[in-house]
Amino acid sequence: MAEGIVRMLVNVLGRLPLVGGPIRRRAWYPYRHQWVLLFGDRQNYTFTQFVRLPHQGEALAGPVVDFLRPHADGEPLRIVVFGCSNGAEPYSMASILPSRRPTLPFT
């Protein structure tokens, strides 16, 4: 409903002589965040799960490892995970790599 009101206001105000140009160019976008903070119904979700997107696991076990380890020199691949989640990413990587690359040593 709020989107419809905003769309209607942009259409109506965009036709006015003085303010129409900036409104049509979306010059008001930087202020939109402030409006959302003041009036928007916001919710935070802290849900996470293992292997969020399967194609990310495929990319990790395929082209990423190929790029990082072009020559199998025996030294383990060291993976450092920086994040603000509950730690699902390291567990996902630790389950994907052995199943797809059983000979790749990693820490």
C-alpha atoms as a PDB file:
ATOM      1  CA  MET A   1       0.000   0.000   0.000  1.00  0.00           C
ATOM      2  CA  ALA A   2       2.805   2.432   0.883  1.00  0.00           C
ATOM      3  CA  GLU A   3       4.523   1.720  -2.436  1.00  0.00           C
ATOM      4  CA  GLY A   4       1.362   2.676  -4.292  1.00  0.00           C
ATOM      5  CA  ILE A   5       1.138   5.953  -2.413  1.00  0.00           C
ATOM      6  CA  VAL A   6       4.784   6.766  -3.113  1.00  0.00           C
ATOM      7  CA  ARG A   7       4.348   5.887  -6.794  1.00  0.00           C
ATOM      8  CA  MET A   8       1.274   8.112  -7.013  1.00  0.00           C
ATOM      9  CA  LEU A   9       3.080  11.012  -5.295  1.00  0.00           C
ATOM     10  CA  VAL A  10       6.082  10.684  -7.629  1.00  0.00           C
ATOM     11  CA  ASN A  11       3.772  10.729 -10.652  1.00  0.00           C
ATOM     12  CA  VAL A  12       1.794  13.737  -9.424  1.00  0.00           C
ATOM     13  CA  LEU A  13       4.700  15.780  -8.052  1.00  0.00           C
ATOM     14  CA  GLY A  14       6.869  14.908 -11.053  1.00  0.00           C
ATOM     15  CA  ARG A  15       4.610  17.038 -13.216  1.00  0.00           C
ATOM     16  CA  LEU A  16       5.062  20.215 -11.169  1.00  0.00           C
ATOM     17  CA  PRO A  17       7.261  22.903 -12.773  1.00  0.00           C
ATOM     18  CA  LEU A  18       9.847  23.548 -10.042  1.00  0.00           C
ATOM     19  CA  VAL A  19      10.125  20.225  -8.234  1.00  0.00           C
ATOM     20  CA  GLY A  20       9.219  17.890 -11.097  1.00  0.00           C
ATOM     21  CA  GLY A  21      12.744  17.539 -12.494  1.00  0.00           C
ATOM     22  CA  PRO A  22      14.477  16.443  -9.268  1.00  0.00           C
ATOM     23  CA  ILE A  23      11.589  14.126  -8.432  1.00  0.00           C
ATOM     24  CA  ARG A  24      11.725  12.470 -11.855  1.00  0.00           C
ATOM     25  CA  ARG A  25      15.525  12.108 -11.508  1.00  0.00           C
ATOM     26  CA  ARG A  26      14.977  10.424  -8.140  1.00  0.00           C
ATOM     27  CA  ALA A  27      16.966  13.089  -6.260  1.00  0.00           C
ATOM     28  CA  TRP A  28      14.918  12.160  -3.200  1.00  0.00           C
ATOM     29  CA  TYR A  29      16.382   8.638  -2.974  1.00  0.00           C
ATOM     30  CA  PRO A  30      19.000   9.525  -0.293  1.00  0.00           C
ATOM     31  CA  TYR A  31      16.180  10.622   1.997  1.00  0.00           C
ATOM     32  CA  ARG A  32      14.143   7.485   1.413  1.00  0.00           C
ATOM     33  CA  HIS A  33      16.202   5.565   3.983  1.00  0.00           C
ATOM     34  CA  GLN A  34      15.346   8.120   6.653  1.00  0.00           C
ATOM     35  CA  TRP A  35      11.641   7.741   5.855  1.00  0.00           C
ATOM     36  CA  VAL A  36      11.908   3.970   6.146  1.00  0.00           C
ATOM     37  CA  LEU A  37      13.675   4.287   9.487  1.00  0.00           C
ATOM     38  CA  LEU A  38      10.978   6.599  10.805  1.00  0.00           C
ATOM     39  CA  PHE A  39       7.844   4.990   9.420  1.00  0.00           C
ATOM     40  CA  GLY A  40       8.708   1.530   8.099  1.00  0.00           C
ATOM     41  CA  ASP A  41       7.778  -1.747   9.726  1.00  0.00           C
ATOM     42  CA  ARG A  42      11.154  -3.452  10.044  1.00  0.00           C
ATOM     43  CA  GLN A  43      12.010  -6.943  11.207  1.00  0.00           C
ATOM     44  CA  ASN A  44      15.360  -8.601  11.788  1.00  0.00           C
ATOM     45  CA  TYR A  45      15.974 -12.246  11.011  1.00  0.00           C
ATOM     46  CA  THR A  46      18.913 -14.160  12.424  1.00  0.00           C
ATOM     47  CA  PHE A  47      18.083 -17.437  10.668  1.00  0.00           C
ATOM     48  CA  THR A  48      20.875 -19.174   8.839  1.00  0.00           C
ATOM     49  CA  GLN A  49      21.382 -22.681   7.586  1.00  0.00           C
ATOM     50  CA  PHE A  50      24.077 -24.914   6.190  1.00  0.00           C
ATOM     51  CA  VAL A  51      24.767 -24.616   2.464  1.00  0.00           C
ATOM     52  CA  ARG A  52      22.557 -21.624   1.869  1.00  0.00           C
ATOM     53  CA  LEU A  53      22.805 -21.729  -1.901  1.00  0.00           C
ATOM     54  CA  PRO A  54      23.923 -24.956  -3.578  1.00  0.00           C
ATOM     55  CA  HIS A  55      25.627 -23.143  -6.464  1.00  0.00           C
ATOM     56  CA  GLN A  56      27.935 -21.432  -3.952  1.00  0.00           C
ATOM     57  CA  GLY A  57      29.129 -24.831  -2.793  1.00  0.00           C
ATOM     58  CA  GLU A  58      29.613 -25.912  -6.393  1.00  0.00           C
ATOM     59  CA  ALA A  59      31.635 -22.767  -7.096  1.00  0.00           C
ATOM     60  CA  LEU A  60      33.779 -23.308  -4.002  1.00  0.00           C
ATOM     61  CA  ALA A  61      34.545 -26.943  -4.767  1.00  0.00           C
ATOM     62  CA  GLY A  62      35.053 -26.276  -8.468  1.00  0.00           C
ATOM     63  CA  PRO A  63      36.477 -23.067  -9.978  1.00  0.00           C
ATOM     64  CA  VAL A  64      37.527 -21.462  -6.686  1.00  0.00           C
ATOM     65  CA  VAL A  65      39.662 -24.415  -5.608  1.00  0.00           C
ATOM     66  CA  ASP A  66      41.007 -24.740  -9.157  1.00  0.00           C
ATOM     67  CA  PHE A  67      42.076 -21.095  -9.065  1.00  0.00           C
ATOM     68  CA  LEU A  68      43.582 -21.273  -5.567  1.00  0.00           C
ATOM     69  CA  ARG A  69      45.324 -24.607  -6.083  1.00  0.00           C
ATOM     70  CA  PRO A  70      46.468 -24.832  -9.718  1.00  0.00           C
ATOM     71  CA  HIS A  71      49.218 -27.272  -8.667  1.00  0.00           C
ATOM     72  CA  ALA A  72      48.713 -29.917  -6.014  1.00  0.00           C
ATOM     73  CA  ASP A  73      51.762 -29.213  -3.862  1.00  0.00           C
ATOM     74  CA  GLY A  74      50.614 -31.148  -0.798  1.00  0.00           C
ATOM     75  CA  GLU A  75      50.332 -28.133   1.461  1.00  0.00           C
ATOM     76  CA  PRO A  76      46.831 -27.844   2.938  1.00  0.00           C
ATOM     77  CA  LEU A  77      44.518 -25.160   1.647  1.00  0.00           C
ATOM     78  CA  ARG A  78      43.995 -22.699   4.486  1.00  0.00           C
ATOM     79  CA  ILE A  79      40.538 -21.145   4.669  1.00  0.00           C
ATOM     80  CA  VAL A  80      39.782 -18.171   6.881  1.00  0.00           C
ATOM     81  CA  VAL A  81      36.147 -17.197   7.349  1.00  0.00           C
ATOM     82  CA  PHE A  82      35.318 -13.664   8.399  1.00  0.00           C
ATOM     83  CA  GLY A  83      31.662 -13.216   9.139  1.00  0.00           C
ATOM     84  CA  CYS A  84      28.917 -12.044  11.379  1.00  0.00           C
ATOM     85  CA  SER A  85      26.794 -15.169  11.303  1.00  0.00           C
ATOM     86  CA  ASN A  86      26.460 -18.116  13.630  1.00  0.00           C
ATOM     87  CA  GLY A  87      29.276 -20.041  11.944  1.00  0.00           C
ATOM     88  CA  ALA A  88      27.367 -22.088   9.387  1.00  0.00           C
ATOM     89  CA  GLU A  89      29.761 -21.191   6.567  1.00  0.00           C
ATOM     90  CA  PRO A  90      32.834 -23.049   7.904  1.00  0.00           C
ATOM     91  CA  TYR A  91      30.736 -26.146   8.593  1.00  0.00           C
ATOM     92  CA  SER A  92      29.264 -25.945   5.105  1.00  0.00           C
ATOM     93  CA  MET A  93      32.732 -25.738   3.556  1.00  0.00           C
ATOM     94  CA  ALA A  94      34.003 -28.550   5.767  1.00  0.00           C
ATOM     95  CA  SER A  95      31.201 -30.802   4.532  1.00  0.00           C
ATOM     96  CA  ILE A  96      31.354 -29.813   0.851  1.00  0.00           C
ATOM     97  CA  LEU A  97      35.103 -30.006   0.240  1.00  0.00           C
ATOM     98  CA  PRO A  98      35.711 -33.608   1.423  1.00  0.00           C
ATOM     99  CA  SER A  99      32.731 -34.890  -0.543  1.00  0.00           C
ATOM    100  CA  ARG A 100      33.692 -33.128  -3.787  1.00  0.00           C
ATOM    101  CA  ARG A 101      37.491 -33.010  -3.427  1.00  0.00           C
ATOM    102  CA  PRO A 102      38.469 -35.992  -1.247  1.00  0.00           C
ATOM    103  CA  THR A 103      42.215 -35.648  -1.952  1.00  0.00           C
ATOM    104  CA  LEU A 104      42.388 -31.937  -1.100  1.00  0.00           C
ATOM    105  CA  PRO A 105      43.883 -31.292   2.335  1.00  0.00           C
ATOM    106  CA  PHE A 106      42.480 -28.171   3.990  1.00  0.00           C
ATOM    107  CA  THR A 107      42.323 -26.440   7.333  1.00  0.00           C
END
